[in-house]
Amino acid sequence: MANILDYLDWRGDVPFSLSPFNDVDNLVLAQTAYTLLDGILDEDGVIAPEDAAKAFFEKYSHAEVLDDRARHKMAPFLLEKMSRAPRYGGMRLAHYINDIDPEGEAQMSAVTFVFPEFTYVAYRGTDNSLIGWKEDFNLSYMPETEGQRMAVDYLNRHFADFTGKLYVGGHSKGGNFAVFASAFCDPRIRERIAAVYSNDGPGFREEVTNSEEYAAVLPKVTSIIPESTLVGALFGGRYDHKIVKSTEKGLSQHDATSWEVLRDGFVETEERSEQSLKMDEAVSNWLCQLSDEDRYFFTDVFFELLTSNGATTVDDLSDGVLANLTDVLKSARSMPKEKRKEFSGMLKKLIKSIRTSV
């Protein structure tokens, strides 16, 4: 079945004047935001997509990128295809930022796609850094994270005087950032936003969803999730989802290049899979048993164990530093007895919740 790469082959020659901006265009841009443009573009610069693609593949060969185990390795190929597609002619990339703050436990990256007809701000989802992954866990007990605040600041810095049509979107945590930033940015900017896209992005705590700012942006939000989502079902959103088919199974459907495309739209379905609903129930039930203090403790200890041997990226883990949860549990033996007992008790609750639901 076709995906967003095929979409660029099929529809890349159709101008926006004949076929307006759609959900698939949104995902193309949100996924392209995973391209590492460090050293190619900065926050004050502007670059054409063909120049960005050329510079990227001068740094990394096509074979090197394909051999990468990163989940979003196809992003540079999307950029390359976009650079040759008349539909995206005249587009420029601007305001690139890739900020990882270990002290603030934040990972925020964004890039702006400037078209003659509109502008799209894309927030990148979780990258390869363990700091980025820890921030995902922080969403469970923090009303707002440092990355979310940085996302708001990005909109306020670059669009205070903007007068055109503005779209904001992202994939995974980037979708969460897109909704959060659109809600809590300067109200004058929020009024200019035509639509906000959360592509399998997690939701928010009640402190956010009950706010006036969130209510103001809610009618503009489009949430797109695969039928076996887990990430997109986490926490609350108060919005309906468009559910799409995927060529992958289970959690692998989070890879948005697996989402099925037909002409200028996704292949949709009416219901989430039974597996997705059961896993959502298991995680939700587990979280309900934990206070915010418990969630903080679990997150802090879990990532303390992951980084205990010097790991800073997910690749470090898969290279054998700590290959799986068994190694995490082995590392837990070195903790003080009471701390180990509390952490193990939380893990047992999670396992019991999964067994009960699944």
Foldseek 3Di string as FASTA:
>chain_A
DAFLVVLLVVCLAPACVRPNDDPSNQVLVQLLQLQDCVVPAAQADKAQLCSSLVVSCVVPPPVRLVPDPWLSSCSSVSSNSNSVGPNLPPKMKHRWDFDQDQVQLATWTWIWIDHPQEIEIHIEQQGFFVSRVLVLLVQLQDQDGPRLVVLLVSCQVPPVPPDHEYEYEHAEQRLQSRLSSLLPHDVVSVVRYQAYEYELYAAHAPVQCVDPSSVVNLVRYAYEYELQHQRSLHHDHPDDYFYFYFPDDHHSVSSNRRFDDDNRGTHTDDHRDLNNVLLNQLVVVLSVVDDSVLSVLLSVLQVCLVCVQPDTGPVVCCVPPPVDVVSSLVSLVPDPPVSSVSNVVSVVSSVVSSVVRD
